[in-house]
């Protein structure tokens, strides 16, 4: 591969790793298709909250997503998927896409990791842990002789489970009454016992509970 930078420098390499974000140039040049995108907005506001607390709000208006409120040195961070809530009065505003649901991670000696590979979790919007796990898999495969093993190991990874996308699509279709019913097994908190009992409670929310189980075990 030959990479030419904007300032005219050139770099050649046998292997190419695209870790260049959701709008990856490597993916657009060497791979087919693109991840699905959720657009999230986050605002820094002057409101106050407990510095040791994090608040999460689930509602049908968030269409499978949620609203979050985290402490900030200037007040608090408030965020949600774009267009699902009113923008607060803010001191700062940030927005970014959350890429998910993309299958191709290797093409020849080129591979993708992180947001370039659409490896974010659509339920939580988390992607740092997942991207690091994918990068480790890709690096180990390349050290052993090529990224082919990464192409085989990534789909088997718990981070790549289709349960997350299925759960997100299930959440998108729920109204508040059904959201409430779906979390009733966890009204005293989520744990191994409550998770196992939820899985045994019926088929209706099994995909959702499977995603919760994977997230609790492997991290979001």
N, C-alpha and C. Protein backbone atom coordinates (compact mmCIF):
# COMPACT_ATOMS: atom_id res chain seq x y z
N UNK A 1 0.84 -1.19 0.00
CA UNK A 1 0.00 0.00 0.00
C UNK A 1 0.88 1.24 0.00
N UNK A 2 0.44 2.26 -0.72
CA UNK A 2 1.13 3.54 -0.74
C UNK A 2 0.17 4.61 -0.26
N UNK A 3 0.54 5.29 0.81
CA UNK A 3 -0.28 6.35 1.39
C UNK A 3 0.41 7.68 1.14
N UNK A 4 -0.31 8.60 0.52
CA UNK A 4 0.24 9.93 0.25
C UNK A 4 -0.53 10.95 1.08
N UNK A 5 0.18 11.72 1.90
CA UNK A 5 -0.45 12.70 2.77
C UNK A 5 -0.71 14.01 2.03
N UNK A 6 -1.46 14.89 2.65
CA UNK A 6 -1.80 16.16 2.01
C UNK A 6 -0.57 17.03 1.76
N UNK A 7 0.45 16.87 2.59
CA UNK A 7 1.65 17.69 2.40
C UNK A 7 2.66 17.03 1.46
N UNK A 8 2.23 15.94 0.79
CA UNK A 8 3.06 15.34 -0.24
C UNK A 8 3.95 14.20 0.22
N UNK A 9 3.97 13.90 1.51
CA UNK A 9 4.80 12.78 1.98
C UNK A 9 4.17 11.45 1.58
N UNK A 10 5.01 10.44 1.40
CA UNK A 10 4.54 9.12 1.01
C UNK A 10 5.05 8.07 1.99
N UNK A 11 4.17 7.11 2.29
CA UNK A 11 4.52 6.00 3.18
C UNK A 11 4.03 4.71 2.52
N UNK A 12 4.87 3.70 2.52
CA UNK A 12 4.48 2.42 1.96
C UNK A 12 4.50 1.36 3.06
N UNK A 13 3.60 0.38 2.96
CA UNK A 13 3.52 -0.66 3.98
C UNK A 13 2.86 -1.89 3.39
N UNK A 14 3.20 -3.03 3.96
CA UNK A 14 2.58 -4.29 3.53
C UNK A 14 1.16 -4.40 4.06
N UNK A 15 0.94 -3.85 5.27
CA UNK A 15 -0.38 -3.92 5.90
C UNK A 15 -0.90 -2.51 6.14
N UNK A 16 -2.21 -2.36 6.05
CA UNK A 16 -2.84 -1.06 6.27
C UNK A 16 -4.00 -1.23 7.24
N UNK A 17 -3.97 -0.48 8.34
CA UNK A 17 -5.04 -0.54 9.34
C UNK A 17 -5.81 0.78 9.31
N UNK A 18 -7.09 0.69 9.00
CA UNK A 18 -7.94 1.87 9.01
C UNK A 18 -8.53 2.08 10.39
N UNK A 19 -7.96 3.03 11.13
CA UNK A 19 -8.49 3.41 12.45
C UNK A 19 -8.79 4.90 12.39
N UNK A 20 -9.38 5.32 11.28
CA UNK A 20 -9.53 6.74 10.96
C UNK A 20 -10.97 7.24 11.08
N UNK A 21 -11.72 6.65 12.01
CA UNK A 21 -13.01 7.22 12.38
C UNK A 21 -14.18 6.81 11.50
N UNK A 22 -15.35 7.34 11.86
CA UNK A 22 -16.61 6.91 11.26
C UNK A 22 -16.66 7.16 9.75
N UNK A 23 -15.97 8.19 9.28
CA UNK A 23 -15.98 8.52 7.84
C UNK A 23 -14.70 8.03 7.18
N UNK A 24 -14.22 6.89 7.62
CA UNK A 24 -12.92 6.33 7.24
C UNK A 24 -12.61 6.40 5.75
N UNK A 25 -11.48 7.03 5.43
CA UNK A 25 -11.00 7.07 4.05
C UNK A 25 -10.57 5.68 3.60
N UNK A 26 -9.95 4.92 4.51
CA UNK A 26 -9.53 3.56 4.17
C UNK A 26 -10.74 2.72 3.79
N UNK A 27 -11.82 2.82 4.56
CA UNK A 27 -13.02 2.04 4.25
C UNK A 27 -13.63 2.48 2.92
N UNK A 28 -13.69 3.78 2.69
CA UNK A 28 -14.30 4.28 1.45
C UNK A 28 -13.50 3.90 0.21
N UNK A 29 -12.18 3.78 0.36
CA UNK A 29 -11.33 3.44 -0.78
C UNK A 29 -11.23 1.94 -1.04
N UNK A 30 -11.25 1.14 0.03
CA UNK A 30 -10.90 -0.27 -0.11
C UNK A 30 -12.01 -1.25 0.27
N UNK A 31 -13.09 -0.76 0.87
CA UNK A 31 -14.15 -1.65 1.34
C UNK A 31 -15.49 -1.27 0.70
N UNK A 32 -16.45 -2.14 0.87
CA UNK A 32 -17.79 -1.91 0.32
C UNK A 32 -18.74 -1.46 1.42
N UNK A 33 -19.64 -0.55 1.08
CA UNK A 33 -20.69 -0.16 2.01
C UNK A 33 -20.17 0.69 3.16
N UNK A 34 -21.03 0.91 4.13
CA UNK A 34 -20.68 1.74 5.29
C UNK A 34 -21.56 1.35 6.47
N UNK A 35 -21.14 1.69 7.69
CA UNK A 35 -21.96 1.38 8.87
C UNK A 35 -23.25 2.19 8.89
N UNK A 36 -24.19 1.73 9.68
CA UNK A 36 -25.36 2.55 9.99
C UNK A 36 -24.93 3.59 11.03
N UNK A 37 -25.63 4.72 11.04
CA UNK A 37 -25.21 5.82 11.92
C UNK A 37 -26.35 6.29 12.81
N UNK A 38 -26.02 6.55 14.06
CA UNK A 38 -26.86 7.31 14.98
C UNK A 38 -26.13 8.61 15.25
N UNK A 39 -26.86 9.71 15.31
CA UNK A 39 -26.22 11.00 15.57
C UNK A 39 -26.54 11.44 16.99
N UNK A 40 -25.50 11.64 17.77
CA UNK A 40 -25.66 12.04 19.17
C UNK A 40 -25.21 13.48 19.37
N UNK A 41 -25.90 14.18 20.25
CA UNK A 41 -25.52 15.53 20.62
C UNK A 41 -25.26 15.58 22.12
N UNK A 42 -24.27 16.36 22.52
CA UNK A 42 -23.98 16.54 23.93
C UNK A 42 -23.76 18.02 24.22
N UNK A 43 -24.32 18.47 25.34
CA UNK A 43 -24.26 19.88 25.70
C UNK A 43 -23.65 20.02 27.09
N UNK A 44 -22.82 21.02 27.26
CA UNK A 44 -22.35 21.39 28.59
C UNK A 44 -23.24 22.53 29.06
N UNK A 45 -23.91 22.32 30.19
CA UNK A 45 -24.84 23.32 30.72
C UNK A 45 -24.36 23.80 32.09
N UNK A 46 -24.99 24.85 32.56
CA UNK A 46 -24.62 25.41 33.86
C UNK A 46 -25.39 24.78 35.01
N UNK A 47 -26.23 23.79 34.72
CA UNK A 47 -26.99 23.13 35.77
C UNK A 47 -26.07 22.39 36.74
N UNK A 48 -26.57 22.10 37.90
CA UNK A 48 -25.76 21.41 38.91
C UNK A 48 -26.29 20.00 39.14
N UNK A 49 -25.40 19.12 39.59
CA UNK A 49 -25.79 17.76 39.96
C UNK A 49 -24.72 17.17 40.85
N UNK A 50 -25.04 16.08 41.50
CA UNK A 50 -24.11 15.38 42.38
C UNK A 50 -22.89 14.95 41.57
N UNK A 51 -21.70 15.29 42.04
CA UNK A 51 -20.48 14.98 41.29
C UNK A 51 -20.19 13.48 41.24
N UNK A 52 -20.82 12.71 42.10
CA UNK A 52 -20.60 11.26 42.11
C UNK A 52 -21.72 10.50 41.41
N UNK A 53 -22.59 11.20 40.69
CA UNK A 53 -23.76 10.56 40.08
C UNK A 53 -23.69 10.63 38.56
N UNK A 54 -24.34 9.67 37.93
CA UNK A 54 -24.59 9.70 36.49
C UNK A 54 -26.06 9.33 36.30
N UNK A 55 -26.78 10.09 35.52
CA UNK A 55 -28.21 9.86 35.34
C UNK A 55 -28.49 9.40 33.90
N UNK A 56 -29.33 8.38 33.78
CA UNK A 56 -29.75 7.86 32.48
C UNK A 56 -31.27 7.86 32.44
N UNK A 57 -31.84 8.36 31.35
CA UNK A 57 -33.29 8.45 31.21
C UNK A 57 -33.71 7.70 29.94
N UNK A 58 -34.60 6.73 30.12
CA UNK A 58 -35.12 5.97 28.98
C UNK A 58 -36.57 6.36 28.74
N UNK A 59 -36.90 6.61 27.50
CA UNK A 59 -38.24 7.06 27.14
C UNK A 59 -38.45 6.74 25.66
N UNK A 60 -39.70 6.54 25.28
CA UNK A 60 -39.99 6.22 23.88
C UNK A 60 -39.52 7.32 22.93
N UNK A 61 -39.43 8.55 23.41
CA UNK A 61 -39.00 9.65 22.55
C UNK A 61 -37.58 9.46 22.04
N UNK A 62 -36.76 8.67 22.78
CA UNK A 62 -35.36 8.50 22.40
C UNK A 62 -35.15 7.38 21.39
N UNK A 63 -36.23 6.72 21.00
CA UNK A 63 -36.23 5.77 19.87
C UNK A 63 -35.11 4.72 19.99
N UNK A 64 -35.07 4.07 21.12
CA UNK A 64 -34.07 3.04 21.36
C UNK A 64 -32.83 3.54 22.05
N UNK A 65 -32.64 4.85 22.08
CA UNK A 65 -31.50 5.45 22.77
C UNK A 65 -31.89 5.92 24.16
N UNK A 66 -31.23 6.94 24.65
CA UNK A 66 -31.49 7.43 26.00
C UNK A 66 -30.94 8.84 26.14
N UNK A 67 -31.26 9.47 27.24
CA UNK A 67 -30.70 10.77 27.61
C UNK A 67 -29.75 10.54 28.77
N UNK A 68 -28.61 11.22 28.76
CA UNK A 68 -27.67 11.08 29.86
C UNK A 68 -27.31 12.44 30.44
N UNK A 69 -26.99 12.42 31.72
CA UNK A 69 -26.52 13.61 32.42
C UNK A 69 -25.34 13.22 33.29
N UNK A 70 -24.18 13.81 33.02
CA UNK A 70 -22.95 13.52 33.76
C UNK A 70 -22.41 14.81 34.36
N UNK A 71 -21.71 14.73 35.48
CA UNK A 71 -21.10 15.93 36.06
C UNK A 71 -20.04 16.53 35.13
N UNK A 72 -19.88 17.84 35.22
CA UNK A 72 -18.87 18.56 34.44
C UNK A 72 -18.36 19.71 35.30
N UNK A 73 -17.12 20.11 35.08
CA UNK A 73 -16.54 21.17 35.90
C UNK A 73 -17.33 22.48 35.79
N UNK A 74 -18.02 22.68 34.67
CA UNK A 74 -18.83 23.89 34.49
C UNK A 74 -20.29 23.69 34.88
N UNK A 75 -20.67 22.47 35.21
CA UNK A 75 -22.06 22.17 35.56
C UNK A 75 -22.36 20.71 35.31
N UNK A 76 -22.88 20.41 34.11
CA UNK A 76 -23.14 19.02 33.76
C UNK A 76 -23.18 18.85 32.24
N UNK A 77 -22.95 17.61 31.81
CA UNK A 77 -23.10 17.24 30.40
C UNK A 77 -24.48 16.63 30.21
N UNK A 78 -25.17 17.05 29.18
CA UNK A 78 -26.48 16.51 28.85
C UNK A 78 -26.44 16.06 27.39
N UNK A 79 -26.88 14.83 27.13
CA UNK A 79 -26.82 14.34 25.76
C UNK A 79 -27.96 13.42 25.41
N UNK A 80 -28.20 13.25 24.10
CA UNK A 80 -29.24 12.37 23.58
C UNK A 80 -29.05 12.27 22.07
N UNK A 81 -29.75 11.33 21.45
CA UNK A 81 -29.68 11.23 20.00
C UNK A 81 -30.38 12.44 19.38
N UNK A 82 -29.80 12.93 18.32
CA UNK A 82 -30.23 14.19 17.71
C UNK A 82 -31.70 14.16 17.31
N UNK A 83 -32.41 15.22 17.68
CA UNK A 83 -33.80 15.36 17.28
C UNK A 83 -34.80 14.68 18.19
N UNK A 84 -34.33 14.06 19.29
CA UNK A 84 -35.26 13.33 20.16
C UNK A 84 -35.64 14.11 21.41
N UNK A 85 -35.02 15.26 21.65
CA UNK A 85 -35.31 16.05 22.85
C UNK A 85 -34.99 17.51 22.55
N UNK A 86 -35.48 18.39 23.41
CA UNK A 86 -35.20 19.81 23.22
C UNK A 86 -33.78 20.14 23.66
N UNK A 87 -33.13 20.97 22.88
CA UNK A 87 -31.78 21.40 23.25
C UNK A 87 -31.85 22.33 24.46
N UNK A 88 -31.04 22.07 25.48
CA UNK A 88 -31.04 22.96 26.64
C UNK A 88 -30.23 24.23 26.35
N UNK A 89 -30.34 25.19 27.24
CA UNK A 89 -29.43 26.33 27.19
C UNK A 89 -28.03 25.81 27.48
N UNK A 90 -27.08 26.10 26.62
CA UNK A 90 -25.78 25.45 26.78
C UNK A 90 -24.62 26.42 26.71
N UNK A 91 -23.51 25.97 27.32
CA UNK A 91 -22.25 26.69 27.26
C UNK A 91 -21.38 26.16 26.12
N UNK A 92 -21.50 24.85 25.87
CA UNK A 92 -20.78 24.21 24.77
C UNK A 92 -21.71 23.18 24.14
N UNK A 93 -21.49 22.92 22.85
CA UNK A 93 -22.26 21.88 22.16
C UNK A 93 -21.32 21.03 21.33
N UNK A 94 -21.52 19.72 21.40
CA UNK A 94 -20.72 18.78 20.63
C UNK A 94 -21.65 17.77 19.97
N UNK A 95 -21.29 17.31 18.80
CA UNK A 95 -22.08 16.29 18.12
C UNK A 95 -21.18 15.31 17.41
N UNK A 96 -21.61 14.07 17.35
CA UNK A 96 -20.83 13.06 16.63
C UNK A 96 -21.72 11.89 16.25
N UNK A 97 -21.37 11.22 15.16
CA UNK A 97 -22.11 10.02 14.78
C UNK A 97 -21.64 8.80 15.56
N UNK A 98 -22.55 7.88 15.77
CA UNK A 98 -22.24 6.60 16.41
C UNK A 98 -22.38 5.52 15.33
N UNK A 99 -21.27 5.00 14.79
CA UNK A 99 -21.36 4.02 13.70
C UNK A 99 -21.51 2.59 14.23
N UNK A 100 -22.42 1.83 13.65
CA UNK A 100 -22.64 0.46 14.12
C UNK A 100 -23.14 -0.42 12.97
N UNK A 101 -23.12 -1.72 13.20
CA UNK A 101 -23.68 -2.71 12.27
C UNK A 101 -22.96 -2.71 10.92
N UNK A 102 -21.69 -3.09 10.95
CA UNK A 102 -20.90 -3.23 9.72
C UNK A 102 -20.08 -4.50 9.85
N UNK A 103 -20.09 -5.35 8.84
CA UNK A 103 -19.53 -6.69 8.97
C UNK A 103 -18.11 -6.85 8.44
N UNK A 104 -17.73 -6.11 7.41
CA UNK A 104 -16.46 -6.36 6.75
C UNK A 104 -15.32 -5.66 7.48
N UNK A 105 -14.38 -6.43 8.01
CA UNK A 105 -13.26 -5.82 8.72
C UNK A 105 -11.92 -6.07 8.04
N UNK A 106 -11.88 -6.96 7.06
CA UNK A 106 -10.62 -7.27 6.37
C UNK A 106 -10.86 -7.34 4.87
N UNK A 107 -9.94 -6.75 4.11
CA UNK A 107 -9.93 -6.88 2.66
C UNK A 107 -8.47 -6.96 2.23
N UNK A 108 -8.03 -8.16 1.89
CA UNK A 108 -6.63 -8.35 1.56
C UNK A 108 -5.76 -8.12 2.78
N UNK A 109 -4.78 -7.24 2.66
CA UNK A 109 -3.90 -6.91 3.78
C UNK A 109 -4.33 -5.62 4.48
N UNK A 110 -5.54 -5.17 4.19
CA UNK A 110 -6.09 -3.99 4.87
C UNK A 110 -7.17 -4.42 5.84
N UNK A 111 -7.26 -3.73 6.97
CA UNK A 111 -8.30 -4.05 7.94
C UNK A 111 -8.79 -2.77 8.60
N UNK A 112 -9.95 -2.87 9.24
CA UNK A 112 -10.58 -1.74 9.91
C UNK A 112 -10.78 -2.05 11.38
N UNK A 113 -10.65 -1.02 12.22
CA UNK A 113 -10.93 -1.17 13.65
C UNK A 113 -11.64 0.08 14.16
N UNK A 114 -12.36 -0.08 15.27
CA UNK A 114 -13.02 1.06 15.91
C UNK A 114 -14.16 1.63 15.09
N UNK A 115 -14.33 2.95 15.14
CA UNK A 115 -15.43 3.59 14.42
C UNK A 115 -15.35 3.36 12.92
N UNK A 116 -14.15 3.21 12.39
CA UNK A 116 -14.00 2.94 10.95
C UNK A 116 -14.71 1.64 10.57
N UNK A 117 -14.76 0.70 11.52
CA UNK A 117 -15.39 -0.60 11.29
C UNK A 117 -16.81 -0.65 11.83
N UNK A 118 -17.35 0.48 12.27
CA UNK A 118 -18.72 0.49 12.80
C UNK A 118 -18.87 -0.36 14.04
N UNK A 119 -17.87 -0.32 14.94
CA UNK A 119 -17.86 -1.24 16.07
C UNK A 119 -18.44 -0.65 17.36
N UNK A 120 -19.19 0.44 17.26
CA UNK A 120 -19.84 0.99 18.45
C UNK A 120 -21.06 0.14 18.83
N UNK A 121 -21.42 0.19 20.10
CA UNK A 121 -22.58 -0.53 20.59
C UNK A 121 -23.82 0.37 20.46
N UNK A 122 -24.83 -0.04 19.68
CA UNK A 122 -25.98 0.84 19.46
C UNK A 122 -26.88 1.03 20.68
N UNK A 123 -26.74 0.17 21.69
CA UNK A 123 -27.56 0.32 22.89
C UNK A 123 -26.99 1.39 23.80
N UNK A 124 -25.68 1.40 23.96
CA UNK A 124 -25.04 2.32 24.91
C UNK A 124 -24.27 3.44 24.24
N UNK A 125 -24.00 3.32 22.94
CA UNK A 125 -23.17 4.25 22.17
C UNK A 125 -21.69 4.11 22.52
N UNK A 126 -21.33 3.15 23.36
CA UNK A 126 -19.94 2.96 23.75
C UNK A 126 -19.13 2.33 22.63
N UNK A 127 -17.85 2.72 22.53
CA UNK A 127 -17.02 2.15 21.49
C UNK A 127 -15.55 2.04 21.82
N UNK A 128 -15.11 2.67 22.92
CA UNK A 128 -13.67 2.68 23.23
C UNK A 128 -13.18 1.28 23.57
N UNK A 129 -13.86 0.61 24.50
CA UNK A 129 -13.45 -0.75 24.88
C UNK A 129 -13.50 -1.69 23.67
N UNK A 130 -14.56 -1.56 22.87
CA UNK A 130 -14.72 -2.44 21.71
C UNK A 130 -13.61 -2.19 20.70
N UNK A 131 -13.32 -0.92 20.43
CA UNK A 131 -12.26 -0.60 19.48
C UNK A 131 -10.90 -1.10 19.94
N UNK A 132 -10.64 -1.01 21.23
CA UNK A 132 -9.37 -1.50 21.76
C UNK A 132 -9.27 -3.02 21.63
N UNK A 133 -10.38 -3.72 21.90
CA UNK A 133 -10.38 -5.18 21.76
C UNK A 133 -10.15 -5.57 20.30
N UNK A 134 -10.80 -4.86 19.37
CA UNK A 134 -10.63 -5.15 17.95
C UNK A 134 -9.20 -4.86 17.49
N UNK A 135 -8.64 -3.74 17.97
CA UNK A 135 -7.27 -3.39 17.59
C UNK A 135 -6.28 -4.45 18.08
N UNK A 136 -6.52 -4.99 19.26
CA UNK A 136 -5.64 -6.05 19.79
C UNK A 136 -5.74 -7.30 18.91
N UNK A 137 -6.96 -7.66 18.52
CA UNK A 137 -7.13 -8.82 17.64
C UNK A 137 -6.41 -8.61 16.31
N UNK A 138 -6.58 -7.42 15.73
CA UNK A 138 -5.97 -7.13 14.44
C UNK A 138 -4.45 -7.16 14.55
N UNK A 139 -3.91 -6.54 15.60
CA UNK A 139 -2.46 -6.50 15.78
C UNK A 139 -1.88 -7.90 15.95
N UNK A 140 -2.53 -8.71 16.77
CA UNK A 140 -2.04 -10.07 16.99
C UNK A 140 -2.07 -10.88 15.70
N UNK A 141 -3.11 -10.68 14.89
CA UNK A 141 -3.20 -11.40 13.62
C UNK A 141 -2.09 -10.98 12.67
N UNK A 142 -1.83 -9.67 12.59
CA UNK A 142 -0.80 -9.17 11.68
C UNK A 142 0.58 -9.66 12.11
N UNK A 143 0.84 -9.67 13.41
CA UNK A 143 2.13 -10.16 13.91
C UNK A 143 2.34 -11.62 13.52
N UNK A 144 1.25 -12.38 13.47
CA UNK A 144 1.34 -13.80 13.13
C UNK A 144 1.41 -14.04 11.63
N UNK A 145 1.27 -12.97 10.83
CA UNK A 145 1.44 -13.17 9.40
C UNK A 145 0.40 -12.55 8.50
N UNK A 146 -0.63 -11.94 9.06
CA UNK A 146 -1.64 -11.30 8.22
C UNK A 146 -2.96 -11.16 8.94
N UNK A 147 -3.85 -10.29 8.44
CA UNK A 147 -5.11 -10.01 9.15
C UNK A 147 -6.21 -11.05 8.96
N UNK A 148 -5.92 -12.15 8.25
CA UNK A 148 -6.98 -13.13 8.00
C UNK A 148 -7.59 -13.68 9.28
N UNK A 149 -6.75 -13.90 10.29
CA UNK A 149 -7.26 -14.43 11.56
C UNK A 149 -8.20 -13.43 12.23
N UNK A 150 -7.92 -12.15 12.07
CA UNK A 150 -8.83 -11.11 12.59
C UNK A 150 -10.19 -11.21 11.91
N UNK A 151 -10.20 -11.48 10.61
CA UNK A 151 -11.46 -11.64 9.89
C UNK A 151 -12.27 -12.80 10.44
N UNK A 152 -11.58 -13.83 10.94
CA UNK A 152 -12.28 -14.99 11.51
C UNK A 152 -12.65 -14.78 12.97
N UNK A 153 -11.77 -14.13 13.73
CA UNK A 153 -11.99 -14.01 15.17
C UNK A 153 -12.97 -12.90 15.54
N UNK A 154 -13.00 -11.81 14.77
CA UNK A 154 -13.88 -10.70 15.14
C UNK A 154 -15.36 -11.10 15.15
N UNK A 155 -15.88 -11.79 14.12
CA UNK A 155 -17.30 -12.15 14.17
C UNK A 155 -17.66 -13.07 15.34
N UNK A 156 -16.67 -13.80 15.87
CA UNK A 156 -16.91 -14.68 17.01
C UNK A 156 -16.80 -13.95 18.34
N UNK A 157 -16.34 -12.71 18.31
CA UNK A 157 -16.16 -11.94 19.54
C UNK A 157 -17.51 -11.57 20.14
N UNK A 158 -17.62 -11.56 21.48
CA UNK A 158 -18.88 -11.13 22.09
C UNK A 158 -19.22 -9.67 21.77
N UNK A 159 -18.22 -8.87 21.44
CA UNK A 159 -18.48 -7.47 21.10
C UNK A 159 -19.17 -7.34 19.74
N UNK A 160 -19.02 -8.36 18.91
CA UNK A 160 -19.62 -8.32 17.57
C UNK A 160 -20.95 -9.06 17.51
N UNK A 161 -21.47 -9.46 18.66
CA UNK A 161 -22.71 -10.24 18.68
C UNK A 161 -23.86 -9.48 18.01
N UNK A 162 -24.63 -10.15 17.15
CA UNK A 162 -25.80 -9.51 16.55
C UNK A 162 -26.89 -9.21 17.57
N UNK A 163 -26.74 -9.72 18.79
CA UNK A 163 -27.75 -9.46 19.82
C UNK A 163 -27.91 -7.97 20.10
N UNK A 164 -26.82 -7.20 19.99
CA UNK A 164 -26.90 -5.77 20.29
C UNK A 164 -27.79 -5.04 19.28
N UNK A 165 -27.60 -5.33 18.01
CA UNK A 165 -28.42 -4.66 16.99
C UNK A 165 -29.87 -5.11 17.10
N UNK A 166 -30.09 -6.41 17.33
CA UNK A 166 -31.46 -6.90 17.49
C UNK A 166 -32.14 -6.25 18.69
N UNK A 167 -31.39 -6.10 19.78
CA UNK A 167 -31.95 -5.47 20.98
C UNK A 167 -32.28 -4.00 20.71
N UNK A 168 -31.39 -3.31 20.02
CA UNK A 168 -31.63 -1.90 19.71
C UNK A 168 -32.87 -1.75 18.84
N UNK A 169 -33.01 -2.60 17.84
CA UNK A 169 -34.19 -2.53 16.97
C UNK A 169 -35.46 -2.84 17.75
N UNK A 170 -35.36 -3.74 18.73
CA UNK A 170 -36.50 -4.03 19.59
C UNK A 170 -36.87 -2.82 20.43
N UNK A 171 -35.87 -2.17 21.01
CA UNK A 171 -36.11 -0.98 21.83
C UNK A 171 -36.72 0.16 21.02
N UNK A 172 -36.31 0.28 19.76
CA UNK A 172 -36.83 1.35 18.91
C UNK A 172 -38.34 1.27 18.75
N UNK A 173 -38.88 0.04 18.80
CA UNK A 173 -40.31 -0.13 18.57
C UNK A 173 -41.15 -0.11 19.83
N UNK A 174 -40.55 0.14 20.99
CA UNK A 174 -41.29 0.08 22.26
C UNK A 174 -41.83 1.44 22.66
N UNK A 175 -43.07 1.43 23.17
CA UNK A 175 -43.59 2.63 23.82
C UNK A 175 -43.21 2.57 25.30
N UNK A 176 -43.58 3.58 26.05
CA UNK A 176 -43.14 3.64 27.45
C UNK A 176 -43.69 2.49 28.28
N UNK A 177 -44.92 2.07 27.99
CA UNK A 177 -45.50 0.96 28.75
C UNK A 177 -44.69 -0.31 28.55
N UNK A 178 -44.28 -0.55 27.31
CA UNK A 178 -43.52 -1.77 27.05
C UNK A 178 -42.09 -1.65 27.57
N UNK A 179 -41.51 -0.46 27.49
CA UNK A 179 -40.19 -0.27 28.09
C UNK A 179 -40.23 -0.61 29.57
N UNK A 180 -41.28 -0.17 30.24
CA UNK A 180 -41.43 -0.46 31.67
C UNK A 180 -41.55 -1.96 31.92
N UNK A 181 -42.36 -2.63 31.10
CA UNK A 181 -42.52 -4.09 31.27
C UNK A 181 -41.20 -4.82 31.04
N UNK A 182 -40.43 -4.36 30.07
CA UNK A 182 -39.19 -5.07 29.72
C UNK A 182 -38.14 -5.01 30.82
N UNK A 183 -38.17 -3.96 31.65
CA UNK A 183 -37.15 -3.84 32.70
C UNK A 183 -37.67 -4.24 34.08
N UNK A 184 -38.89 -4.72 34.16
CA UNK A 184 -39.43 -5.12 35.46
C UNK A 184 -38.57 -6.15 36.18
N UNK A 185 -37.95 -7.12 35.47
CA UNK A 185 -37.10 -8.08 36.20
C UNK A 185 -35.91 -7.43 36.90
N UNK A 186 -35.58 -6.19 36.52
CA UNK A 186 -34.38 -5.54 37.06
C UNK A 186 -34.73 -4.36 37.97
N UNK A 187 -35.95 -4.36 38.52
CA UNK A 187 -36.37 -3.22 39.33
C UNK A 187 -35.54 -3.08 40.60
N UNK A 188 -34.85 -4.15 41.01
CA UNK A 188 -33.95 -4.06 42.16
C UNK A 188 -32.49 -4.06 41.73
N UNK A 189 -32.25 -3.86 40.44
CA UNK A 189 -30.89 -3.84 39.92
C UNK A 189 -30.60 -5.04 39.06
N UNK A 190 -29.56 -4.92 38.21
CA UNK A 190 -29.18 -6.02 37.34
C UNK A 190 -28.07 -6.82 37.98
N UNK A 191 -28.19 -8.14 37.93
CA UNK A 191 -27.17 -9.04 38.44
C UNK A 191 -27.30 -10.39 37.76
N UNK A 192 -26.43 -11.31 38.11
CA UNK A 192 -26.46 -12.63 37.47
C UNK A 192 -27.79 -13.33 37.69
N UNK A 193 -28.31 -13.24 38.92
CA UNK A 193 -29.56 -13.94 39.22
C UNK A 193 -30.73 -13.30 38.49
N UNK A 194 -30.85 -11.96 38.59
CA UNK A 194 -31.96 -11.29 37.91
C UNK A 194 -31.86 -11.45 36.40
N UNK A 195 -30.62 -11.45 35.88
CA UNK A 195 -30.44 -11.65 34.44
C UNK A 195 -30.87 -13.04 34.00
N UNK A 196 -30.49 -14.06 34.79
CA UNK A 196 -30.87 -15.44 34.46
C UNK A 196 -32.38 -15.63 34.55
N UNK A 197 -33.00 -15.07 35.58
CA UNK A 197 -34.45 -15.18 35.73
C UNK A 197 -35.17 -14.48 34.59
N UNK A 198 -34.63 -13.34 34.16
CA UNK A 198 -35.24 -12.63 33.04
C UNK A 198 -35.20 -13.47 31.77
N UNK A 199 -34.06 -14.14 31.52
CA UNK A 199 -33.93 -14.98 30.33
C UNK A 199 -34.94 -16.12 30.34
N UNK A 200 -35.29 -16.59 31.54
CA UNK A 200 -36.22 -17.71 31.66
C UNK A 200 -37.68 -17.27 31.67
N UNK A 201 -37.90 -15.94 31.72
CA UNK A 201 -39.26 -15.44 31.91
C UNK A 201 -40.12 -15.48 30.65
N UNK A 202 -39.51 -15.68 29.51
CA UNK A 202 -40.29 -15.74 28.28
C UNK A 202 -39.48 -15.31 27.08
N UNK A 203 -40.02 -15.55 25.88
CA UNK A 203 -39.29 -15.29 24.65
C UNK A 203 -39.37 -13.84 24.19
N UNK A 204 -40.35 -13.10 24.65
CA UNK A 204 -40.63 -11.79 24.06
C UNK A 204 -39.43 -10.85 24.12
N UNK A 205 -38.74 -10.82 25.26
CA UNK A 205 -37.63 -9.89 25.42
C UNK A 205 -36.28 -10.60 25.49
N UNK A 206 -36.25 -11.83 25.01
CA UNK A 206 -35.03 -12.63 25.16
C UNK A 206 -33.83 -12.01 24.46
N UNK A 207 -34.03 -11.46 23.25
CA UNK A 207 -32.91 -10.82 22.54
C UNK A 207 -32.39 -9.62 23.32
N UNK A 208 -33.31 -8.88 23.92
CA UNK A 208 -32.93 -7.72 24.72
C UNK A 208 -32.12 -8.15 25.93
N UNK A 209 -32.60 -9.18 26.62
CA UNK A 209 -31.91 -9.65 27.82
C UNK A 209 -30.57 -10.29 27.47
N UNK A 210 -30.49 -10.90 26.29
CA UNK A 210 -29.21 -11.47 25.85
C UNK A 210 -28.17 -10.36 25.68
N UNK A 211 -28.58 -9.25 25.11
CA UNK A 211 -27.66 -8.12 24.94
C UNK A 211 -27.24 -7.57 26.30
N UNK A 212 -28.18 -7.47 27.24
CA UNK A 212 -27.84 -7.00 28.58
C UNK A 212 -26.83 -7.94 29.24
N UNK A 213 -27.05 -9.24 29.06
CA UNK A 213 -26.16 -10.23 29.65
C UNK A 213 -24.74 -10.09 29.09
N UNK A 214 -24.62 -9.95 27.78
CA UNK A 214 -23.31 -9.79 27.15
C UNK A 214 -22.63 -8.51 27.62
N UNK A 215 -23.40 -7.43 27.70
CA UNK A 215 -22.83 -6.16 28.14
C UNK A 215 -22.34 -6.21 29.57
N UNK A 216 -23.11 -6.87 30.44
CA UNK A 216 -22.71 -6.98 31.84
C UNK A 216 -21.45 -7.82 31.99
N UNK A 217 -21.29 -8.83 31.15
CA UNK A 217 -20.14 -9.73 31.26
C UNK A 217 -18.89 -9.16 30.63
N UNK A 218 -19.03 -8.54 29.46
CA UNK A 218 -17.86 -8.12 28.69
C UNK A 218 -17.62 -6.62 28.70
N UNK A 219 -18.56 -5.86 29.21
CA UNK A 219 -18.41 -4.41 29.21
C UNK A 219 -18.99 -3.81 27.95
N UNK A 220 -19.38 -2.57 28.05
CA UNK A 220 -20.05 -1.89 26.95
C UNK A 220 -19.06 -1.16 26.05
